[in-house]
């Protein structure tokens, strides 16, 4: 068993601070840009469907839409933080600066992932505050909001680590974003309830882990969910455990990291 007293706490803290300072230094791109993008989405749907679709699941459409957009902003920015950190280091040839310090695979995973979680949650808070000016943003369950925001950020941070280690160039990372992250995000019930889908597609939606992060966070905000939030919490915990194991294995083996 790993001896926690021998953990490199200073190195871990330094790695975490590096990741946080990376996105904080360019806050106009990492914090303000997601706010603008999310508000544009909100305006488009308000103008296109605001009068045609007044309620969804008994909830005013814009109030139903808001939690999904906030969750998407959290997820996309958590993924961007870890994926860009590792891939840029690999392409520039300075990934050794991350691998050489006496940090275990678990510590590398934790430090990088927590940087992504911090960015994801920070973006979520900023986006929610900006959105509250135009749409009522409630807090049905603070515990659910907190859990699903953290679980969402962690899942996408770990996915970003794994994708960046696997990728050898920006084209491959773009493929992951375009063919994995974006489709799973938009088909996760962000803009609709899955009971509107045919039975076959409802079953497929339940296989999408992104569905549970959207549904759980929406429950925390407005109290509406398509599945029991406890099920969503368990699914996200299981997915995060699997992704953590994958990232640990990649770092421990030096998969596509060492010549």
C-alpha atoms as a PDB file:
ATOM      1  CA  UNK A   1       0.000   0.000   0.000  1.00  0.00           C
ATOM      2  CA  UNK A   2       1.265   3.499  -0.856  1.00  0.00           C
ATOM      3  CA  UNK A   3       2.533   5.339   2.240  1.00  0.00           C
ATOM      4  CA  UNK A   4       0.715   8.678   2.338  1.00  0.00           C
ATOM      5  CA  UNK A   5       3.389  10.093   4.658  1.00  0.00           C
ATOM      6  CA  UNK A   6       5.893   9.663   1.854  1.00  0.00           C
ATOM      7  CA  UNK A   7       3.775  11.390  -0.744  1.00  0.00           C
ATOM      8  CA  UNK A   8       5.422  14.300  -2.483  1.00  0.00           C
ATOM      9  CA  UNK A   9       2.954  16.891  -1.218  1.00  0.00           C
ATOM     10  CA  UNK A  10       5.116  19.843  -2.276  1.00  0.00           C
ATOM     11  CA  UNK A  11       5.529  18.454  -5.781  1.00  0.00           C
ATOM     12  CA  UNK A  12       1.818  17.676  -6.013  1.00  0.00           C
ATOM     13  CA  UNK A  13       0.901  21.179  -4.849  1.00  0.00           C
ATOM     14  CA  UNK A  14       3.349  22.695  -7.339  1.00  0.00           C
ATOM     15  CA  UNK A  15       1.856  20.665 -10.191  1.00  0.00           C
ATOM     16  CA  UNK A  16      -1.649  21.733  -9.204  1.00  0.00           C
ATOM     17  CA  UNK A  17      -0.666  25.400  -8.971  1.00  0.00           C
ATOM     18  CA  UNK A  18       0.980  25.204 -12.380  1.00  0.00           C
ATOM     19  CA  UNK A  19      -2.243  23.903 -13.904  1.00  0.00           C
ATOM     20  CA  UNK A  20      -4.356  26.563 -12.212  1.00  0.00           C
ATOM     21  CA  UNK A  21      -2.003  29.371 -13.189  1.00  0.00           C
ATOM     22  CA  UNK A  22      -2.045  28.166 -16.802  1.00  0.00           C
ATOM     23  CA  UNK A  23      -5.727  28.990 -17.216  1.00  0.00           C
ATOM     24  CA  UNK A  24      -5.836  31.895 -14.747  1.00  0.00           C
ATOM     25  CA  UNK A  25      -3.156  33.756 -16.693  1.00  0.00           C
ATOM     26  CA  UNK A  26      -5.362  33.872 -19.802  1.00  0.00           C
ATOM     27  CA  UNK A  27      -8.652  34.361 -17.953  1.00  0.00           C
ATOM     28  CA  UNK A  28     -10.202  36.238 -20.862  1.00  0.00           C
ATOM     29  CA  UNK A  29      -9.945  33.052 -22.954  1.00  0.00           C
ATOM     30  CA  UNK A  30     -10.591  30.454 -20.265  1.00  0.00           C
ATOM     31  CA  UNK A  31     -13.279  32.191 -18.174  1.00  0.00           C
ATOM     32  CA  UNK A  32     -14.865  35.003 -20.184  1.00  0.00           C
ATOM     33  CA  UNK A  33     -15.040  33.178 -23.542  1.00  0.00           C
ATOM     34  CA  UNK A  34     -17.163  30.280 -22.134  1.00  0.00           C
ATOM     35  CA  UNK A  35     -19.578  32.838 -20.666  1.00  0.00           C
ATOM     36  CA  UNK A  36     -19.999  34.544 -24.035  1.00  0.00           C
ATOM     37  CA  UNK A  37     -20.411  31.224 -25.870  1.00  0.00           C
ATOM     38  CA  UNK A  38     -22.986  29.931 -23.384  1.00  0.00           C
ATOM     39  CA  UNK A  39     -25.014  33.140 -23.466  1.00  0.00           C
ATOM     40  CA  UNK A  40     -25.033  33.006 -27.272  1.00  0.00           C
ATOM     41  CA  UNK A  41     -26.429  29.450 -27.086  1.00  0.00           C
ATOM     42  CA  UNK A  42     -29.047  30.676 -24.623  1.00  0.00           C
ATOM     43  CA  UNK A  43     -30.022  33.590 -26.881  1.00  0.00           C
ATOM     44  CA  UNK A  44     -30.274  31.360 -29.960  1.00  0.00           C
ATOM     45  CA  UNK A  45     -32.578  28.867 -28.264  1.00  0.00           C
ATOM     46  CA  UNK A  46     -34.609  31.632 -26.664  1.00  0.00           C
ATOM     47  CA  UNK A  47     -35.200  33.283 -30.042  1.00  0.00           C
ATOM     48  CA  UNK A  48     -35.720  30.032 -31.972  1.00  0.00           C
ATOM     49  CA  UNK A  49     -37.817  28.029 -29.505  1.00  0.00           C
ATOM     50  CA  UNK A  50     -38.713  30.357 -26.664  1.00  0.00           C
ATOM     51  CA  UNK A  51     -42.321  30.833 -27.794  1.00  0.00           C
ATOM     52  CA  UNK A  52     -42.799  27.526 -29.615  1.00  0.00           C
ATOM     53  CA  UNK A  53     -41.756  25.435 -26.604  1.00  0.00           C
ATOM     54  CA  UNK A  54     -42.937  27.021 -23.383  1.00  0.00           C
ATOM     55  CA  UNK A  55     -42.289  24.126 -21.011  1.00  0.00           C
ATOM     56  CA  UNK A  56     -40.277  20.898 -20.914  1.00  0.00           C
ATOM     57  CA  UNK A  57     -41.200  18.310 -18.308  1.00  0.00           C
ATOM     58  CA  UNK A  58     -43.437  20.861 -16.628  1.00  0.00           C
ATOM     59  CA  UNK A  59     -40.554  23.334 -16.265  1.00  0.00           C
ATOM     60  CA  UNK A  60     -40.242  26.628 -18.210  1.00  0.00           C
ATOM     61  CA  UNK A  61     -38.063  25.886 -21.222  1.00  0.00           C
ATOM     62  CA  UNK A  62     -35.324  28.409 -20.457  1.00  0.00           C
ATOM     63  CA  UNK A  63     -35.053  27.227 -16.852  1.00  0.00           C
ATOM     64  CA  UNK A  64     -34.838  23.641 -18.128  1.00  0.00           C
ATOM     65  CA  UNK A  65     -32.147  24.582 -20.634  1.00  0.00           C
ATOM     66  CA  UNK A  66     -29.913  26.592 -18.284  1.00  0.00           C
ATOM     67  CA  UNK A  67     -28.510  23.699 -16.168  1.00  0.00           C
ATOM     68  CA  UNK A  68     -27.614  21.719 -19.294  1.00  0.00           C
ATOM     69  CA  UNK A  69     -25.689  24.643 -20.768  1.00  0.00           C
ATOM     70  CA  UNK A  70     -23.859  25.215 -17.477  1.00  0.00           C
ATOM     71  CA  UNK A  71     -22.913  21.529 -17.307  1.00  0.00           C
ATOM     72  CA  UNK A  72     -21.634  21.581 -20.883  1.00  0.00           C
ATOM     73  CA  UNK A  73     -19.460  24.609 -20.082  1.00  0.00           C
ATOM     74  CA  UNK A  74     -18.058  22.810 -17.029  1.00  0.00           C
ATOM     75  CA  UNK A  75     -17.317  19.661 -19.011  1.00  0.00           C
ATOM     76  CA  UNK A  76     -15.753  21.309 -22.053  1.00  0.00           C
ATOM     77  CA  UNK A  77     -13.417  23.490 -20.010  1.00  0.00           C
ATOM     78  CA  UNK A  78     -12.304  20.687 -17.685  1.00  0.00           C
ATOM     79  CA  UNK A  79     -11.460  18.601 -20.748  1.00  0.00           C
ATOM     80  CA  UNK A  80      -9.673  21.489 -22.447  1.00  0.00           C
ATOM     81  CA  UNK A  81      -7.503  22.195 -19.418  1.00  0.00           C
ATOM     82  CA  UNK A  82      -5.932  18.767 -19.042  1.00  0.00           C
ATOM     83  CA  UNK A  83      -5.850  17.831 -22.715  1.00  0.00           C
ATOM     84  CA  UNK A  84      -4.112  21.043 -23.778  1.00  0.00           C
ATOM     85  CA  UNK A  85      -1.626  20.890 -20.897  1.00  0.00           C
ATOM     86  CA  UNK A  86      -0.360  17.433 -21.781  1.00  0.00           C
ATOM     87  CA  UNK A  87      -0.611  17.557 -25.565  1.00  0.00           C
ATOM     88  CA  UNK A  88       1.166  20.912 -25.872  1.00  0.00           C
ATOM     89  CA  UNK A  89       3.937  19.590 -23.623  1.00  0.00           C
ATOM     90  CA  UNK A  90       4.264  16.475 -25.790  1.00  0.00           C
ATOM     91  CA  UNK A  91       4.326  18.399 -29.068  1.00  0.00           C
ATOM     92  CA  UNK A  92       6.837  20.944 -27.756  1.00  0.00           C
ATOM     93  CA  UNK A  93       8.990  18.176 -26.292  1.00  0.00           C
ATOM     94  CA  UNK A  94       8.921  19.419 -22.699  1.00  0.00           C
ATOM     95  CA  UNK A  95       6.672  16.705 -21.250  1.00  0.00           C
ATOM     96  CA  UNK A  96       9.823  15.576 -19.440  1.00  0.00           C
ATOM     97  CA  UNK A  97       9.383  18.560 -17.106  1.00  0.00           C
ATOM     98  CA  UNK A  98       6.187  16.923 -15.874  1.00  0.00           C
ATOM     99  CA  UNK A  99       7.487  13.354 -15.772  1.00  0.00           C
ATOM    100  CA  UNK A 100      10.926  13.894 -14.229  1.00  0.00           C
ATOM    101  CA  UNK A 101       9.912  15.212 -10.762  1.00  0.00           C
ATOM    102  CA  UNK A 102       9.518  12.457  -8.121  1.00  0.00           C
ATOM    103  CA  UNK A 103       5.760  12.131  -8.503  1.00  0.00           C
ATOM    104  CA  UNK A 104       3.924   8.804  -8.647  1.00  0.00           C
ATOM    105  CA  UNK A 105       1.409   7.972 -11.355  1.00  0.00           C
ATOM    106  CA  UNK A 106      -1.400   8.624  -8.876  1.00  0.00           C
ATOM    107  CA  UNK A 107       0.068  12.004  -7.945  1.00  0.00           C
ATOM    108  CA  UNK A 108       0.451  13.019 -11.599  1.00  0.00           C
ATOM    109  CA  UNK A 109      -3.133  12.001 -12.277  1.00  0.00           C
ATOM    110  CA  UNK A 110      -4.425  13.799  -9.196  1.00  0.00           C
ATOM    111  CA  UNK A 111      -2.505  17.034  -9.754  1.00  0.00           C
ATOM    112  CA  UNK A 112      -3.459  17.350 -13.411  1.00  0.00           C
ATOM    113  CA  UNK A 113      -7.068  16.302 -12.829  1.00  0.00           C
ATOM    114  CA  UNK A 114      -7.572  18.748  -9.970  1.00  0.00           C
ATOM    115  CA  UNK A 115      -6.346  21.554 -12.192  1.00  0.00           C
ATOM    116  CA  UNK A 116      -9.047  20.611 -14.681  1.00  0.00           C
ATOM    117  CA  UNK A 117     -11.659  20.302 -11.929  1.00  0.00           C
ATOM    118  CA  UNK A 118     -10.770  23.769 -10.648  1.00  0.00           C
ATOM    119  CA  UNK A 119     -11.177  25.298 -14.086  1.00  0.00           C
ATOM    120  CA  UNK A 120     -14.409  23.417 -14.773  1.00  0.00           C
ATOM    121  CA  UNK A 121     -16.047  24.409 -11.490  1.00  0.00           C
ATOM    122  CA  UNK A 122     -14.816  28.015 -11.765  1.00  0.00           C
ATOM    123  CA  UNK A 123     -16.257  28.307 -15.270  1.00  0.00           C
ATOM    124  CA  UNK A 124     -19.511  26.779 -14.035  1.00  0.00           C
ATOM    125  CA  UNK A 125     -19.828  29.371 -11.270  1.00  0.00           C
ATOM    126  CA  UNK A 126     -19.030  32.281 -13.586  1.00  0.00           C
ATOM    127  CA  UNK A 127     -21.418  31.029 -16.285  1.00  0.00           C
ATOM    128  CA  UNK A 128     -24.209  30.477 -13.732  1.00  0.00           C
ATOM    129  CA  UNK A 129     -23.803  34.009 -12.342  1.00  0.00           C
ATOM    130  CA  UNK A 130     -23.895  35.522 -15.828  1.00  0.00           C
ATOM    131  CA  UNK A 131     -26.863  33.384 -16.865  1.00  0.00           C
ATOM    132  CA  UNK A 132     -28.807  34.311 -13.714  1.00  0.00           C
ATOM    133  CA  UNK A 133     -29.098  37.845 -15.080  1.00  0.00           C
ATOM    134  CA  UNK A 134     -31.334  36.539 -17.886  1.00  0.00           C
ATOM    135  CA  UNK A 135     -32.804  33.254 -16.583  1.00  0.00           C
ATOM    136  CA  UNK A 136     -33.801  32.246 -13.040  1.00  0.00           C
ATOM    137  CA  UNK A 137     -31.117  29.849 -11.751  1.00  0.00           C
ATOM    138  CA  UNK A 138     -32.360  27.916  -8.735  1.00  0.00           C
ATOM    139  CA  UNK A 139     -30.705  25.618  -6.214  1.00  0.00           C
ATOM    140  CA  UNK A 140     -33.036  22.701  -5.542  1.00  0.00           C
ATOM    141  CA  UNK A 141     -30.279  20.600  -3.955  1.00  0.00           C
ATOM    142  CA  UNK A 142     -26.904  22.124  -3.064  1.00  0.00           C
ATOM    143  CA  UNK A 143     -25.489  18.660  -2.431  1.00  0.00           C
ATOM    144  CA  UNK A 144     -26.469  17.425  -5.898  1.00  0.00           C
ATOM    145  CA  UNK A 145     -25.126  20.567  -7.562  1.00  0.00           C
ATOM    146  CA  UNK A 146     -21.818  20.198  -5.754  1.00  0.00           C
ATOM    147  CA  UNK A 147     -21.475  16.467  -6.416  1.00  0.00           C
ATOM    148  CA  UNK A 148     -22.375  16.504 -10.100  1.00  0.00           C
ATOM    149  CA  UNK A 149     -20.263  19.607 -10.804  1.00  0.00           C
ATOM    150  CA  UNK A 150     -17.223  17.931  -9.243  1.00  0.00           C
ATOM    151  CA  UNK A 151     -17.959  14.520 -10.803  1.00  0.00           C
ATOM    152  CA  UNK A 152     -18.472  16.091 -14.238  1.00  0.00           C
ATOM    153  CA  UNK A 153     -15.267  18.101 -14.022  1.00  0.00           C
ATOM    154  CA  UNK A 154     -13.312  15.067 -12.825  1.00  0.00           C
ATOM    155  CA  UNK A 155     -14.684  12.796 -15.559  1.00  0.00           C
ATOM    156  CA  UNK A 156     -13.803  15.209 -18.352  1.00  0.00           C
ATOM    157  CA  UNK A 157     -10.441  16.060 -16.781  1.00  0.00           C
ATOM    158  CA  UNK A 158      -9.501  12.380 -16.687  1.00  0.00           C
ATOM    159  CA  UNK A 159     -10.818  11.881 -20.205  1.00  0.00           C
ATOM    160  CA  UNK A 160      -8.696  14.845 -21.303  1.00  0.00           C
ATOM    161  CA  UNK A 161      -5.591  13.303 -19.718  1.00  0.00           C
ATOM    162  CA  UNK A 162      -6.186   9.943 -21.402  1.00  0.00           C
ATOM    163  CA  UNK A 163      -6.973  11.526 -24.780  1.00  0.00           C
ATOM    164  CA  UNK A 164      -3.896  13.766 -24.666  1.00  0.00           C
ATOM    165  CA  UNK A 165      -1.568  10.908 -23.746  1.00  0.00           C
ATOM    166  CA  UNK A 166      -3.007   8.813 -26.582  1.00  0.00           C
ATOM    167  CA  UNK A 167      -2.817  11.662 -29.126  1.00  0.00           C
ATOM    168  CA  UNK A 168       0.429  12.370 -30.887  1.00  0.00           C
ATOM    169  CA  UNK A 169      -0.713  15.476 -32.745  1.00  0.00           C
ATOM    170  CA  UNK A 170      -3.463  18.062 -32.593  1.00  0.00           C
ATOM    171  CA  UNK A 171      -5.430  16.381 -35.395  1.00  0.00           C
ATOM    172  CA  UNK A 172      -5.983  13.311 -33.217  1.00  0.00           C
ATOM    173  CA  UNK A 173      -7.137  15.453 -30.297  1.00  0.00           C
ATOM    174  CA  UNK A 174      -9.508  17.288 -32.631  1.00  0.00           C
ATOM    175  CA  UNK A 175     -10.920  13.913 -33.680  1.00  0.00           C
ATOM    176  CA  UNK A 176     -11.607  13.011 -30.041  1.00  0.00           C
ATOM    177  CA  UNK A 177     -13.359  16.340 -29.520  1.00  0.00           C
ATOM    178  CA  UNK A 178     -15.382  16.195 -32.746  1.00  0.00           C
ATOM    179  CA  UNK A 179     -16.352  12.524 -32.732  1.00  0.00           C
ATOM    180  CA  UNK A 180     -16.565  11.734 -29.016  1.00  0.00           C
ATOM    181  CA  UNK A 181     -16.983  14.763 -26.752  1.00  0.00           C
ATOM    182  CA  UNK A 182     -19.301  16.870 -28.934  1.00  0.00           C
ATOM    183  CA  UNK A 183     -21.716  14.075 -29.999  1.00  0.00           C
ATOM    184  CA  UNK A 184     -21.987  12.664 -26.481  1.00  0.00           C
ATOM    185  CA  UNK A 185     -22.606  16.162 -25.115  1.00  0.00           C
ATOM    186  CA  UNK A 186     -25.341  17.106 -27.566  1.00  0.00           C
ATOM    187  CA  UNK A 187     -27.036  13.682 -27.363  1.00  0.00           C
ATOM    188  CA  UNK A 188     -27.099  13.705 -23.567  1.00  0.00           C
ATOM    189  CA  UNK A 189     -30.452  15.406 -23.062  1.00  0.00           C
ATOM    190  CA  UNK A 190     -29.043  18.906 -22.807  1.00  0.00           C
ATOM    191  CA  UNK A 191     -31.879  20.390 -24.860  1.00  0.00           C
ATOM    192  CA  UNK A 192     -34.638  17.815 -24.332  1.00  0.00           C
ATOM    193  CA  UNK A 193     -35.959  15.077 -22.055  1.00  0.00           C
ATOM    194  CA  UNK A 194     -35.181  11.551 -23.203  1.00  0.00           C
ATOM    195  CA  UNK A 195     -38.841  10.504 -22.886  1.00  0.00           C
ATOM    196  CA  UNK A 196     -39.331  12.300 -26.212  1.00  0.00           C
ATOM    197  CA  UNK A 197     -37.043   9.773 -27.897  1.00  0.00           C
ATOM    198  CA  UNK A 198     -38.126   6.433 -29.403  1.00  0.00           C
ATOM    199  CA  UNK A 199     -37.635   3.491 -26.976  1.00  0.00           C
ATOM    200  CA  UNK A 200     -34.464   2.276 -28.711  1.00  0.00           C
ATOM    201  CA  UNK A 201     -32.806   5.677 -28.454  1.00  0.00           C
ATOM    202  CA  UNK A 202     -33.912   6.010 -24.844  1.00  0.00           C
ATOM    203  CA  UNK A 203     -31.976   2.834 -24.054  1.00  0.00           C
ATOM    204  CA  UNK A 204     -28.961   4.156 -25.940  1.00  0.00           C
ATOM    205  CA  UNK A 205     -29.166   7.419 -23.990  1.00  0.00           C
ATOM    206  CA  UNK A 206     -28.816   5.452 -20.765  1.00  0.00           C
ATOM    207  CA  UNK A 207     -25.467   4.125 -22.019  1.00  0.00           C
ATOM    208  CA  UNK A 208     -24.138   7.658 -22.400  1.00  0.00           C
ATOM    209  CA  UNK A 209     -22.332   8.796 -19.210  1.00  0.00           C
ATOM    210  CA  UNK A 210     -22.783  12.408 -20.318  1.00  0.00           C
ATOM    211  CA  UNK A 211     -26.533  11.934 -19.903  1.00  0.00           C
ATOM    212  CA  UNK A 212     -26.108  11.269 -16.183  1.00  0.00           C
ATOM    213  CA  UNK A 213     -23.966  14.338 -15.592  1.00  0.00           C
ATOM    214  CA  UNK A 214     -26.511  16.594 -17.345  1.00  0.00           C
ATOM    215  CA  UNK A 215     -29.495  14.931 -15.681  1.00  0.00           C
ATOM    216  CA  UNK A 216     -27.949  14.965 -12.212  1.00  0.00           C
ATOM    217  CA  UNK A 217     -26.883  18.602 -12.362  1.00  0.00           C
ATOM    218  CA  UNK A 218     -30.312  19.572 -13.714  1.00  0.00           C
ATOM    219  CA  UNK A 219     -31.895  17.812 -10.744  1.00  0.00           C
ATOM    220  CA  UNK A 220     -29.695  19.811  -8.390  1.00  0.00           C
ATOM    221  CA  UNK A 221     -30.780  23.090 -10.002  1.00  0.00           C
ATOM    222  CA  UNK A 222     -34.496  22.660 -10.792  1.00  0.00           C
ATOM    223  CA  UNK A 223     -35.439  19.327  -9.198  1.00  0.00           C
ATOM    224  CA  UNK A 224     -36.278  17.650 -12.530  1.00  0.00           C
ATOM    225  CA  UNK A 225     -34.547  14.454 -13.644  1.00  0.00           C
ATOM    226  CA  UNK A 226     -35.223  11.633 -16.095  1.00  0.00           C
ATOM    227  CA  UNK A 227     -33.621   8.996 -13.842  1.00  0.00           C
ATOM    228  CA  UNK A 228     -33.003   8.644 -10.125  1.00  0.00           C
ATOM    229  CA  UNK A 229     -30.092  11.021  -9.299  1.00  0.00           C
ATOM    230  CA  UNK A 230     -28.604   8.313  -7.074  1.00  0.00           C
ATOM    231  CA  UNK A 231     -28.212   6.095 -10.142  1.00  0.00           C
ATOM    232  CA  UNK A 232     -26.508   8.948 -11.970  1.00  0.00           C
ATOM    233  CA  UNK A 233     -24.164   9.529  -9.020  1.00  0.00           C
ATOM    234  CA  UNK A 234     -23.176   5.850  -8.963  1.00  0.00           C
ATOM    235  CA  UNK A 235     -22.627   5.736 -12.737  1.00  0.00           C
ATOM    236  CA  UNK A 236     -20.373   8.804 -12.684  1.00  0.00           C
ATOM    237  CA  UNK A 237     -18.419   7.420  -9.715  1.00  0.00           C
ATOM    238  CA  UNK A 238     -17.872   4.144 -11.583  1.00  0.00           C
ATOM    239  CA  UNK A 239     -16.838   5.892 -14.816  1.00  0.00           C
ATOM    240  CA  UNK A 240     -14.433   8.143 -12.917  1.00  0.00           C
ATOM    241  CA  UNK A 241     -12.889   5.127 -11.185  1.00  0.00           C
ATOM    242  CA  UNK A 242     -12.326   3.437 -14.548  1.00  0.00           C
ATOM    243  CA  UNK A 243     -10.858   6.575 -16.122  1.00  0.00           C
ATOM    244  CA  UNK A 244      -8.608   7.110 -13.091  1.00  0.00           C
ATOM    245  CA  UNK A 245      -7.321   3.550 -13.461  1.00  0.00           C
ATOM    246  CA  UNK A 246      -6.667   4.136 -17.156  1.00  0.00           C
ATOM    247  CA  UNK A 247      -4.753   7.373 -16.531  1.00  0.00           C
ATOM    248  CA  UNK A 248      -2.752   5.730 -13.747  1.00  0.00           C
ATOM    249  CA  UNK A 249      -1.822   2.855 -16.063  1.00  0.00           C
ATOM    250  CA  UNK A 250      -0.772   5.258 -18.823  1.00  0.00           C
ATOM    251  CA  UNK A 251       1.505   7.238 -16.519  1.00  0.00           C
ATOM    252  CA  UNK A 252       2.881   4.135 -14.781  1.00  0.00           C
ATOM    253  CA  UNK A 253       3.714   2.453 -18.085  1.00  0.00           C
ATOM    254  CA  UNK A 254       4.878   5.621 -19.794  1.00  0.00           C
ATOM    255  CA  UNK A 255       2.385   4.924 -22.582  1.00  0.00           C
ATOM    256  CA  UNK A 256       3.262   7.222 -25.504  1.00  0.00           C
ATOM    257  CA  UNK A 257       5.156   9.404 -23.032  1.00  0.00           C
ATOM    258  CA  UNK A 258       8.603   7.852 -23.066  1.00  0.00           C
ATOM    259  CA  UNK A 259      10.752   7.182 -26.110  1.00  0.00           C
END
